Amino acid sequence: MAHWLENTVVVEVAAPLAQTWDLWSDLTAMPRWMRWIESVRELDDPLLTEWTLAAQGFRFNWKARTTCKVEMQQLHWQSVAGLPTKGAVRFYGTSPTSTTVKLSISYALPMVLAPLMRASLVQGVVDRELQVNLERFKALVEASPGNTPKQPGATGES
């Protein structure tokens, strides 16, 4: 029986909700900020994607089905083949120029890793990696064209 682990990370992005959602909802772009994700490929069924993760000399593949998609609010998925995983990413527009992104991922500890390391060690490594990846996502969104963050001390007066 597989041992399931869960990780949740949060980041505050200095960008509007729509802009933040647009970048994340393009799943094929995910390797730009998720270092361990080698590729994401859309399949014929628009709800299915094929994922490849490569890290520390290990490679895992899985197919995932989008199980819930609420535009500019949340995206949920669950694997249907390969590495057992499920999760959700939620978006909270905290102001017109700020969005909180909360990512929760659950996964079965791969049997090849179980004898090599404790579940708590894997969970800690994954937690740190996900937080770094969310920070990379934040940097991409904030640097993207069309994002004009408010300058400190700006009053909007001419």
N, C-alpha and C. Protein backbone atom coordinates (compact mmCIF):
# COMPACT_ATOMS: atom_id res chain seq x y z
N MET A 1 0.84 -1.18 0.00
CA MET A 1 0.00 0.00 0.00
C MET A 1 0.89 1.25 0.00
N ALA A 2 0.57 2.19 -0.83
CA ALA A 2 1.37 3.41 -0.97
C ALA A 2 1.14 4.34 0.21
N HIS A 3 2.17 5.08 0.55
CA HIS A 3 2.10 6.09 1.60
C HIS A 3 1.88 7.44 0.93
N TRP A 4 0.74 8.10 1.22
CA TRP A 4 0.42 9.38 0.60
C TRP A 4 0.99 10.52 1.42
N LEU A 5 1.55 11.50 0.71
CA LEU A 5 2.10 12.71 1.32
C LEU A 5 1.36 13.92 0.75
N GLU A 6 1.34 15.00 1.51
CA GLU A 6 0.69 16.22 1.04
C GLU A 6 1.56 17.42 1.34
N ASN A 7 1.62 18.33 0.39
CA ASN A 7 2.37 19.57 0.55
C ASN A 7 1.47 20.74 0.14
N THR A 8 1.55 21.83 0.89
CA THR A 8 0.82 23.05 0.55
C THR A 8 1.76 24.23 0.69
N VAL A 9 1.81 25.07 -0.33
CA VAL A 9 2.63 26.26 -0.33
C VAL A 9 1.81 27.44 -0.84
N VAL A 10 2.20 28.63 -0.43
CA VAL A 10 1.46 29.85 -0.77
C VAL A 10 2.45 30.93 -1.18
N VAL A 11 2.03 31.77 -2.13
CA VAL A 11 2.84 32.93 -2.51
C VAL A 11 1.89 34.09 -2.83
N GLU A 12 2.35 35.28 -2.53
CA GLU A 12 1.62 36.51 -2.86
C GLU A 12 2.27 37.11 -4.09
N VAL A 13 1.48 37.29 -5.16
CA VAL A 13 1.98 37.80 -6.43
C VAL A 13 1.50 39.24 -6.62
N ALA A 14 2.41 40.14 -6.94
CA ALA A 14 2.06 41.54 -7.18
C ALA A 14 1.61 41.69 -8.62
N ALA A 15 0.44 41.13 -8.91
CA ALA A 15 -0.14 41.19 -10.26
C ALA A 15 -1.63 40.93 -10.14
N PRO A 16 -2.41 41.42 -11.09
CA PRO A 16 -3.85 41.18 -11.07
C PRO A 16 -4.19 39.70 -11.19
N LEU A 17 -5.33 39.36 -10.67
CA LEU A 17 -5.82 37.97 -10.69
C LEU A 17 -5.85 37.40 -12.10
N ALA A 18 -6.40 38.13 -13.06
CA ALA A 18 -6.54 37.60 -14.43
C ALA A 18 -5.17 37.27 -15.03
N GLN A 19 -4.20 38.12 -14.82
CA GLN A 19 -2.86 37.89 -15.36
C GLN A 19 -2.21 36.67 -14.70
N THR A 20 -2.39 36.54 -13.40
CA THR A 20 -1.82 35.41 -12.66
C THR A 20 -2.47 34.11 -13.12
N TRP A 21 -3.78 34.10 -13.23
CA TRP A 21 -4.53 32.92 -13.69
C TRP A 21 -4.08 32.52 -15.10
N ASP A 22 -3.97 33.52 -16.00
CA ASP A 22 -3.64 33.22 -17.39
C ASP A 22 -2.33 32.46 -17.52
N LEU A 23 -1.31 32.85 -16.77
CA LEU A 23 -0.03 32.15 -16.88
C LEU A 23 -0.14 30.74 -16.33
N TRP A 24 -0.77 30.58 -15.17
CA TRP A 24 -0.84 29.25 -14.56
C TRP A 24 -1.71 28.31 -15.39
N SER A 25 -2.80 28.80 -15.92
CA SER A 25 -3.76 27.91 -16.60
C SER A 25 -3.23 27.38 -17.92
N ASP A 26 -2.12 27.90 -18.41
CA ASP A 26 -1.44 27.31 -19.57
C ASP A 26 -0.49 26.24 -19.03
N LEU A 27 -1.01 25.04 -18.84
CA LEU A 27 -0.25 23.98 -18.19
C LEU A 27 1.03 23.62 -18.93
N THR A 28 1.03 23.76 -20.25
CA THR A 28 2.23 23.41 -21.02
C THR A 28 3.40 24.36 -20.71
N ALA A 29 3.12 25.51 -20.13
CA ALA A 29 4.17 26.47 -19.77
C ALA A 29 4.79 26.15 -18.40
N MET A 30 4.22 25.21 -17.68
CA MET A 30 4.67 24.94 -16.32
C MET A 30 6.16 24.63 -16.17
N PRO A 31 6.80 23.96 -17.12
CA PRO A 31 8.25 23.74 -16.97
C PRO A 31 9.07 25.04 -16.87
N ARG A 32 8.49 26.17 -17.24
CA ARG A 32 9.19 27.45 -17.12
C ARG A 32 9.46 27.80 -15.66
N TRP A 33 8.60 27.36 -14.74
CA TRP A 33 8.81 27.70 -13.33
C TRP A 33 8.88 26.49 -12.41
N MET A 34 8.46 25.33 -12.85
CA MET A 34 8.55 24.12 -12.03
C MET A 34 9.78 23.34 -12.48
N ARG A 35 10.86 23.44 -11.71
CA ARG A 35 12.14 22.88 -12.14
C ARG A 35 12.10 21.37 -12.36
N TRP A 36 11.32 20.65 -11.59
CA TRP A 36 11.29 19.19 -11.73
C TRP A 36 10.37 18.74 -12.85
N ILE A 37 9.51 19.60 -13.33
CA ILE A 37 8.60 19.23 -14.42
C ILE A 37 9.34 19.41 -15.73
N GLU A 38 9.61 18.30 -16.38
CA GLU A 38 10.34 18.33 -17.65
C GLU A 38 9.42 18.70 -18.81
N SER A 39 8.18 18.18 -18.77
CA SER A 39 7.24 18.49 -19.85
C SER A 39 5.81 18.26 -19.41
N VAL A 40 4.91 19.01 -20.06
CA VAL A 40 3.47 18.82 -19.92
C VAL A 40 2.92 18.87 -21.34
N ARG A 41 2.20 17.83 -21.69
CA ARG A 41 1.66 17.74 -23.05
C ARG A 41 0.15 17.58 -22.98
N GLU A 42 -0.56 18.40 -23.75
CA GLU A 42 -2.01 18.27 -23.83
C GLU A 42 -2.35 17.08 -24.71
N LEU A 43 -3.38 16.35 -24.33
CA LEU A 43 -3.81 15.18 -25.10
C LEU A 43 -5.08 15.52 -25.87
N ASP A 44 -5.59 14.56 -26.65
CA ASP A 44 -6.79 14.81 -27.46
C ASP A 44 -7.98 15.23 -26.61
N ASP A 45 -8.14 14.60 -25.47
CA ASP A 45 -9.20 14.99 -24.53
C ASP A 45 -8.73 16.28 -23.85
N PRO A 46 -9.47 17.39 -23.96
CA PRO A 46 -9.00 18.66 -23.39
C PRO A 46 -8.83 18.65 -21.87
N LEU A 47 -9.37 17.65 -21.20
CA LEU A 47 -9.22 17.56 -19.75
C LEU A 47 -8.02 16.72 -19.33
N LEU A 48 -7.34 16.10 -20.32
CA LEU A 48 -6.20 15.23 -20.01
C LEU A 48 -4.87 15.85 -20.41
N THR A 49 -3.87 15.65 -19.56
CA THR A 49 -2.50 16.08 -19.85
C THR A 49 -1.55 14.96 -19.46
N GLU A 50 -0.41 14.94 -20.13
CA GLU A 50 0.63 13.96 -19.82
C GLU A 50 1.84 14.71 -19.26
N TRP A 51 2.32 14.26 -18.10
CA TRP A 51 3.38 14.94 -17.36
C TRP A 51 4.62 14.07 -17.25
N THR A 52 5.79 14.72 -17.27
CA THR A 52 7.05 14.05 -16.99
C THR A 52 7.80 14.87 -15.95
N LEU A 53 8.17 14.20 -14.87
CA LEU A 53 8.94 14.80 -13.79
C LEU A 53 10.32 14.15 -13.80
N ALA A 54 11.36 14.96 -13.73
CA ALA A 54 12.72 14.43 -13.68
C ALA A 54 13.48 15.17 -12.58
N ALA A 55 13.96 14.40 -11.59
CA ALA A 55 14.68 15.01 -10.47
C ALA A 55 15.59 13.98 -9.82
N GLN A 56 16.79 14.44 -9.47
CA GLN A 56 17.73 13.61 -8.71
C GLN A 56 17.96 12.24 -9.35
N GLY A 57 17.97 12.19 -10.67
CA GLY A 57 18.22 10.94 -11.36
C GLY A 57 17.00 10.04 -11.53
N PHE A 58 15.84 10.48 -11.03
CA PHE A 58 14.61 9.71 -11.16
C PHE A 58 13.72 10.38 -12.21
N ARG A 59 12.92 9.58 -12.89
CA ARG A 59 11.98 10.10 -13.87
C ARG A 59 10.63 9.41 -13.64
N PHE A 60 9.58 10.22 -13.56
CA PHE A 60 8.23 9.70 -13.36
C PHE A 60 7.30 10.32 -14.39
N ASN A 61 6.37 9.51 -14.87
CA ASN A 61 5.37 9.98 -15.83
C ASN A 61 3.99 9.70 -15.28
N TRP A 62 3.04 10.53 -15.68
CA TRP A 62 1.65 10.28 -15.33
C TRP A 62 0.73 11.07 -16.25
N LYS A 63 -0.49 10.61 -16.32
CA LYS A 63 -1.54 11.35 -17.02
C LYS A 63 -2.48 11.87 -15.95
N ALA A 64 -2.89 13.12 -16.13
CA ALA A 64 -3.78 13.74 -15.15
C ALA A 64 -5.04 14.25 -15.83
N ARG A 65 -6.12 14.18 -15.10
CA ARG A 65 -7.40 14.70 -15.56
C ARG A 65 -7.74 15.93 -14.73
N THR A 66 -8.11 17.01 -15.41
CA THR A 66 -8.62 18.18 -14.70
C THR A 66 -10.00 17.82 -14.18
N THR A 67 -10.17 17.85 -12.87
CA THR A 67 -11.43 17.43 -12.26
C THR A 67 -12.33 18.60 -11.90
N CYS A 68 -11.77 19.79 -11.80
CA CYS A 68 -12.55 20.99 -11.51
C CYS A 68 -11.78 22.19 -12.01
N LYS A 69 -12.44 23.05 -12.77
CA LYS A 69 -11.82 24.27 -13.24
C LYS A 69 -12.84 25.39 -13.13
N VAL A 70 -12.56 26.32 -12.23
CA VAL A 70 -13.40 27.50 -12.08
C VAL A 70 -12.52 28.68 -12.47
N GLU A 71 -12.82 29.29 -13.61
CA GLU A 71 -11.99 30.36 -14.15
C GLU A 71 -11.62 31.39 -13.08
N MET A 72 -10.34 31.70 -13.02
CA MET A 72 -9.75 32.69 -12.13
C MET A 72 -10.01 32.41 -10.64
N GLN A 73 -10.29 31.13 -10.31
CA GLN A 73 -10.48 30.77 -8.91
C GLN A 73 -9.69 29.52 -8.53
N GLN A 74 -9.91 28.42 -9.27
CA GLN A 74 -9.26 27.17 -8.87
C GLN A 74 -9.17 26.18 -10.01
N LEU A 75 -8.18 25.31 -9.87
CA LEU A 75 -7.95 24.23 -10.83
C LEU A 75 -7.55 23.00 -10.03
N HIS A 76 -8.30 21.90 -10.20
CA HIS A 76 -8.03 20.65 -9.47
C HIS A 76 -7.70 19.56 -10.49
N TRP A 77 -6.88 18.61 -10.07
CA TRP A 77 -6.53 17.50 -10.95
C TRP A 77 -6.33 16.23 -10.15
N GLN A 78 -6.34 15.13 -10.89
CA GLN A 78 -6.03 13.82 -10.31
C GLN A 78 -5.43 12.95 -11.40
N SER A 79 -4.39 12.20 -11.05
CA SER A 79 -3.78 11.33 -12.05
C SER A 79 -4.71 10.17 -12.36
N VAL A 80 -4.65 9.74 -13.61
CA VAL A 80 -5.46 8.60 -14.05
C VAL A 80 -4.57 7.44 -14.50
N ALA A 81 -3.28 7.69 -14.62
CA ALA A 81 -2.31 6.66 -14.98
C ALA A 81 -0.93 7.13 -14.55
N GLY A 82 -0.09 6.19 -14.18
CA GLY A 82 1.27 6.53 -13.78
C GLY A 82 1.35 6.91 -12.31
N LEU A 83 2.22 7.86 -11.99
CA LEU A 83 2.45 8.31 -10.61
C LEU A 83 1.14 8.78 -9.98
N PRO A 84 0.73 8.20 -8.86
CA PRO A 84 -0.52 8.65 -8.20
C PRO A 84 -0.34 10.04 -7.59
N THR A 85 -1.12 10.99 -8.08
CA THR A 85 -1.06 12.36 -7.60
C THR A 85 -2.41 13.04 -7.75
N LYS A 86 -2.65 14.02 -6.91
CA LYS A 86 -3.85 14.85 -7.03
C LYS A 86 -3.54 16.17 -6.36
N GLY A 87 -4.32 17.17 -6.70
CA GLY A 87 -4.06 18.45 -6.07
C GLY A 87 -4.96 19.55 -6.58
N ALA A 88 -4.63 20.75 -6.11
CA ALA A 88 -5.42 21.93 -6.48
C ALA A 88 -4.54 23.16 -6.37
N VAL A 89 -4.83 24.12 -7.22
CA VAL A 89 -4.23 25.44 -7.09
C VAL A 89 -5.39 26.42 -7.03
N ARG A 90 -5.31 27.32 -6.05
CA ARG A 90 -6.39 28.29 -5.83
C ARG A 90 -5.82 29.70 -5.94
N PHE A 91 -6.65 30.60 -6.46
CA PHE A 91 -6.24 31.98 -6.69
C PHE A 91 -7.20 32.90 -5.95
N TYR A 92 -6.63 33.82 -5.19
CA TYR A 92 -7.42 34.78 -4.43
C TYR A 92 -6.97 36.18 -4.80
N GLY A 93 -7.86 36.93 -5.46
CA GLY A 93 -7.54 38.32 -5.78
C GLY A 93 -7.66 39.14 -4.51
N THR A 94 -6.52 39.50 -3.93
CA THR A 94 -6.53 40.20 -2.64
C THR A 94 -6.65 41.72 -2.81
N SER A 95 -6.36 42.21 -4.01
CA SER A 95 -6.56 43.62 -4.38
C SER A 95 -6.54 43.65 -5.90
N PRO A 96 -6.81 44.80 -6.51
CA PRO A 96 -6.75 44.86 -7.98
C PRO A 96 -5.37 44.55 -8.55
N THR A 97 -4.32 44.66 -7.73
CA THR A 97 -2.95 44.43 -8.23
C THR A 97 -2.22 43.34 -7.46
N SER A 98 -2.96 42.49 -6.76
CA SER A 98 -2.31 41.46 -5.95
C SER A 98 -3.15 40.19 -5.92
N THR A 99 -2.47 39.04 -6.00
CA THR A 99 -3.13 37.74 -6.02
C THR A 99 -2.37 36.77 -5.12
N THR A 100 -3.12 36.06 -4.29
CA THR A 100 -2.53 34.99 -3.49
C THR A 100 -2.74 33.68 -4.25
N VAL A 101 -1.67 32.90 -4.39
CA VAL A 101 -1.73 31.59 -5.05
C VAL A 101 -1.42 30.53 -4.00
N LYS A 102 -2.33 29.56 -3.86
CA LYS A 102 -2.15 28.46 -2.90
C LYS A 102 -2.16 27.14 -3.66
N LEU A 103 -1.05 26.42 -3.56
CA LEU A 103 -0.89 25.15 -4.27
C LEU A 103 -0.85 24.01 -3.26
N SER A 104 -1.72 23.02 -3.45
CA SER A 104 -1.73 21.82 -2.60
C SER A 104 -1.58 20.60 -3.49
N ILE A 105 -0.62 19.76 -3.16
CA ILE A 105 -0.36 18.56 -3.94
C ILE A 105 -0.29 17.36 -3.01
N SER A 106 -0.99 16.30 -3.39
CA SER A 106 -0.90 15.02 -2.68
C SER A 106 -0.36 13.99 -3.66
N TYR A 107 0.48 13.09 -3.16
CA TYR A 107 1.09 12.11 -4.05
C TYR A 107 1.46 10.88 -3.23
N ALA A 108 1.45 9.74 -3.90
CA ALA A 108 1.89 8.51 -3.26
C ALA A 108 3.41 8.45 -3.38
N LEU A 109 4.06 8.19 -2.28
CA LEU A 109 5.52 8.06 -2.29
C LEU A 109 5.87 6.90 -3.22
N PRO A 110 6.62 7.18 -4.29
CA PRO A 110 6.97 6.10 -5.23
C PRO A 110 7.71 4.97 -4.52
N MET A 111 7.35 3.75 -4.84
CA MET A 111 7.94 2.57 -4.19
C MET A 111 9.46 2.54 -4.33
N VAL A 112 10.00 3.09 -5.42
CA VAL A 112 11.44 3.10 -5.62
C VAL A 112 12.12 4.00 -4.59
N LEU A 113 11.41 5.01 -4.08
CA LEU A 113 11.99 5.92 -3.10
C LEU A 113 11.76 5.47 -1.65
N ALA A 114 10.70 4.73 -1.42
CA ALA A 114 10.33 4.34 -0.05
C ALA A 114 11.47 3.69 0.73
N PRO A 115 12.22 2.75 0.15
CA PRO A 115 13.31 2.15 0.94
C PRO A 115 14.52 3.07 1.10
N LEU A 116 14.62 4.12 0.28
CA LEU A 116 15.79 4.98 0.29
C LEU A 116 15.70 6.14 1.28
N MET A 117 14.49 6.61 1.56
CA MET A 117 14.36 7.77 2.44
C MET A 117 13.03 7.79 3.16
N ARG A 118 13.05 8.42 4.33
CA ARG A 118 11.83 8.55 5.12
C ARG A 118 10.84 9.47 4.43
N ALA A 119 9.57 9.20 4.64
CA ALA A 119 8.52 10.03 4.04
C ALA A 119 8.67 11.49 4.47
N SER A 120 9.04 11.73 5.73
CA SER A 120 9.17 13.11 6.21
C SER A 120 10.30 13.85 5.47
N LEU A 121 11.35 13.13 5.12
CA LEU A 121 12.44 13.74 4.36
C LEU A 121 11.96 14.12 2.96
N VAL A 122 11.27 13.20 2.29
CA VAL A 122 10.73 13.48 0.96
C VAL A 122 9.79 14.68 1.03
N GLN A 123 8.92 14.68 2.02
CA GLN A 123 7.95 15.76 2.15
C GLN A 123 8.65 17.10 2.34
N GLY A 124 9.70 17.14 3.14
CA GLY A 124 10.45 18.38 3.34
C GLY A 124 11.12 18.87 2.08
N VAL A 125 11.74 17.96 1.34
CA VAL A 125 12.40 18.31 0.08
C VAL A 125 11.37 18.85 -0.91
N VAL A 126 10.25 18.16 -1.03
CA VAL A 126 9.20 18.58 -1.98
C VAL A 126 8.62 19.93 -1.56
N ASP A 127 8.41 20.12 -0.26
CA ASP A 127 7.87 21.38 0.23
C ASP A 127 8.78 22.56 -0.15
N ARG A 128 10.07 22.40 0.08
CA ARG A 128 11.03 23.46 -0.26
C ARG A 128 11.06 23.70 -1.77
N GLU A 129 11.04 22.63 -2.55
CA GLU A 129 11.07 22.76 -4.01
C GLU A 129 9.82 23.46 -4.52
N LEU A 130 8.65 23.10 -3.99
CA LEU A 130 7.42 23.75 -4.42
C LEU A 130 7.42 25.24 -4.09
N GLN A 131 7.93 25.59 -2.90
CA GLN A 131 7.98 27.01 -2.52
C GLN A 131 8.91 27.78 -3.46
N VAL A 132 10.07 27.21 -3.77
CA VAL A 132 11.00 27.85 -4.72
C VAL A 132 10.32 28.01 -6.07
N ASN A 133 9.59 26.99 -6.50
CA ASN A 133 8.91 27.05 -7.80
C ASN A 133 7.82 28.12 -7.80
N LEU A 134 7.09 28.25 -6.71
CA LEU A 134 6.07 29.31 -6.65
C LEU A 134 6.73 30.69 -6.68
N GLU A 135 7.88 30.82 -6.07
CA GLU A 135 8.60 32.09 -6.13
C GLU A 135 9.05 32.38 -7.57
N ARG A 136 9.45 31.35 -8.30
CA ARG A 136 9.80 31.52 -9.72
C ARG A 136 8.57 31.93 -10.53
N PHE A 137 7.43 31.31 -10.24
CA PHE A 137 6.17 31.67 -10.90
C PHE A 137 5.86 33.14 -10.63
N LYS A 138 5.96 33.54 -9.38
CA LYS A 138 5.71 34.93 -8.98
C LYS A 138 6.59 35.87 -9.80
N ALA A 139 7.88 35.57 -9.91
CA ALA A 139 8.80 36.43 -10.65
C ALA A 139 8.41 36.51 -12.13
N LEU A 140 7.99 35.40 -12.72
CA LEU A 140 7.56 35.40 -14.12
C LEU A 140 6.33 36.27 -14.32
N VAL A 141 5.34 36.12 -13.45
CA VAL A 141 4.11 36.91 -13.58
C VAL A 141 4.43 38.39 -13.41
N GLU A 142 5.19 38.70 -12.38
CA GLU A 142 5.47 40.11 -12.08
C GLU A 142 6.32 40.77 -13.16
N ALA A 143 7.13 39.98 -13.88
CA ALA A 143 7.97 40.53 -14.94
C ALA A 143 7.29 40.52 -16.31
N SER A 144 6.11 39.92 -16.40
CA SER A 144 5.46 39.78 -17.71
C SER A 144 4.91 41.12 -18.20
N PRO A 145 4.85 41.26 -19.53
CA PRO A 145 4.32 42.50 -20.11
C PRO A 145 2.90 42.75 -19.62
N GLY A 146 2.59 43.98 -19.40
CA GLY A 146 1.25 44.33 -18.95
C GLY A 146 1.13 44.44 -17.45
N ASN A 147 2.12 43.94 -16.72
CA ASN A 147 2.07 44.08 -15.26
C ASN A 147 2.78 45.38 -14.90
N THR A 148 2.03 46.28 -14.34
CA THR A 148 2.61 47.56 -13.93
C THR A 148 2.37 47.74 -12.44
N PRO A 149 3.25 47.13 -11.63
CA PRO A 149 3.09 47.26 -10.19
C PRO A 149 3.22 48.72 -9.76
N LYS A 150 2.47 49.06 -8.72
CA LYS A 150 2.50 50.40 -8.18
C LYS A 150 3.88 50.70 -7.61
N GLN A 151 4.43 51.85 -7.98
CA GLN A 151 5.74 52.26 -7.48
C GLN A 151 5.60 52.75 -6.05
N PRO A 152 6.57 52.43 -5.18
CA PRO A 152 6.51 52.93 -3.81
C PRO A 152 6.49 54.44 -3.80
N GLY A 153 5.58 55.00 -3.05
CA GLY A 153 5.48 56.45 -2.92
C GLY A 153 4.67 57.11 -4.02
N ALA A 154 4.23 56.33 -5.02
CA ALA A 154 3.42 56.91 -6.10
C ALA A 154 2.05 57.26 -5.58
N THR A 155 1.56 58.45 -5.92
CA THR A 155 0.25 58.89 -5.45
C THR A 155 -0.76 58.91 -6.56
N GLY A 156 -0.30 58.78 -7.80
CA GLY A 156 -1.23 58.83 -8.92
C GLY A 156 -1.50 60.25 -9.37
N GLU A 157 -0.87 61.26 -8.72
CA GLU A 157 -1.09 62.65 -9.10
C GLU A 157 -0.09 63.06 -10.17
N SER A 158 -0.48 63.99 -11.03
CA SER A 158 0.42 64.50 -12.08
C SER A 158 1.08 65.77 -11.63
